[in-house]
């Protein structure tokens, strides 16, 4: 699964629960806790938080997505309802 898939699952778990259809409508970086450092095109350091807004059957639901560089060129990601 990709990052979007996990964020969409988090959005689907929010109210209204009877609706499972979600569409990503906005993303926004809200905090950079640790500046991003790259080696070539590989992310080596950094931590930041984004809010992803989904349209869920006419209701806006938000998912907090926290990215933390893993030092291996990619990032670990945590998701939570906003």
Protein backbone atom coordinates (compact mmCIF):
# COMPACT_ATOMS: atom_id res chain seq x y z
CA UNK A 1 0.00 0.00 0.00
CA UNK A 2 1.03 3.58 -0.59
CA UNK A 3 0.84 6.53 1.80
CA UNK A 4 -2.40 7.73 0.19
CA UNK A 5 -4.03 4.33 0.75
CA UNK A 6 -3.31 4.37 4.48
CA UNK A 7 -4.49 7.98 4.82
CA UNK A 8 -7.70 7.08 2.96
CA UNK A 9 -8.33 4.18 5.36
CA UNK A 10 -7.95 6.59 8.29
CA UNK A 11 -10.41 8.98 6.60
CA UNK A 12 -12.92 6.16 5.99
CA UNK A 13 -12.94 5.35 9.73
CA UNK A 14 -14.14 8.87 10.60
CA UNK A 15 -17.79 10.01 10.72
CA UNK A 16 -20.05 9.53 8.85
CA UNK A 17 -19.16 5.84 9.10
CA UNK A 18 -21.92 4.80 6.71
CA UNK A 19 -19.96 6.44 3.86
CA UNK A 20 -16.80 4.73 2.60
CA UNK A 21 -16.15 6.90 -0.47
CA UNK A 22 -13.32 9.38 0.06
CA UNK A 23 -11.53 11.77 -2.26
CA UNK A 24 -8.35 13.66 -1.38
CA UNK A 25 -9.00 17.38 -1.90
CA UNK A 26 -6.10 19.14 -0.15
CA UNK A 27 -2.74 18.62 1.53
CA UNK A 28 -0.89 21.13 3.65
CA UNK A 29 2.42 21.06 5.53
CA UNK A 30 1.68 22.41 9.00
CA UNK A 31 4.97 21.83 10.81
CA UNK A 32 8.61 21.04 10.03
CA UNK A 33 10.16 19.73 13.24
CA UNK A 34 13.50 18.76 11.75
CA UNK A 35 14.84 20.20 8.49
CA UNK A 36 15.00 17.82 5.56
CA UNK A 37 18.43 16.62 4.46
CA UNK A 38 18.97 14.76 1.21
CA UNK A 39 21.83 12.70 -0.16
CA UNK A 40 21.30 13.00 -3.88
CA UNK A 41 17.60 12.21 -4.26
CA UNK A 42 17.40 10.18 -1.02
CA UNK A 43 15.82 11.65 2.11
CA UNK A 44 18.25 11.08 4.97
CA UNK A 45 16.98 13.31 7.81
CA UNK A 46 13.86 15.26 8.63
CA UNK A 47 10.48 15.19 10.33
CA UNK A 48 7.36 17.06 9.26
CA UNK A 49 3.60 16.99 9.68
CA UNK A 50 0.92 17.44 7.04
CA UNK A 51 -2.88 17.66 7.18
CA UNK A 52 -4.63 15.80 4.36
CA UNK A 53 -8.25 16.80 3.80
CA UNK A 54 -10.66 14.34 2.22
CA UNK A 55 -14.20 14.79 0.94
CA UNK A 56 -16.26 11.98 2.45
CA UNK A 57 -19.78 12.09 0.98
CA UNK A 58 -19.87 15.88 1.26
CA UNK A 59 -18.18 16.05 4.67
CA UNK A 60 -14.58 17.26 5.01
CA UNK A 61 -12.47 14.93 7.14
CA UNK A 62 -8.85 15.57 8.05
CA UNK A 63 -6.01 13.16 8.58
CA UNK A 64 -2.76 14.12 10.32
CA UNK A 65 0.22 12.55 8.53
CA UNK A 66 3.61 12.62 10.27
CA UNK A 67 6.68 11.79 8.20
CA UNK A 68 10.02 10.87 9.84
CA UNK A 69 13.12 10.16 7.75
CA UNK A 70 14.46 6.69 8.45
CA UNK A 71 18.07 7.43 7.43
CA UNK A 72 17.80 4.92 4.58
CA UNK A 73 16.38 7.24 1.93
CA UNK A 74 12.70 6.94 2.81
CA UNK A 75 10.40 7.94 5.68
CA UNK A 76 8.29 6.25 8.30
CA UNK A 77 4.73 7.56 8.36
CA UNK A 78 2.08 7.76 11.10
CA UNK A 79 -1.60 8.56 10.53
CA UNK A 80 -4.25 9.86 12.91
CA UNK A 81 -7.70 11.42 12.68
CA UNK A 82 -7.61 15.18 13.09
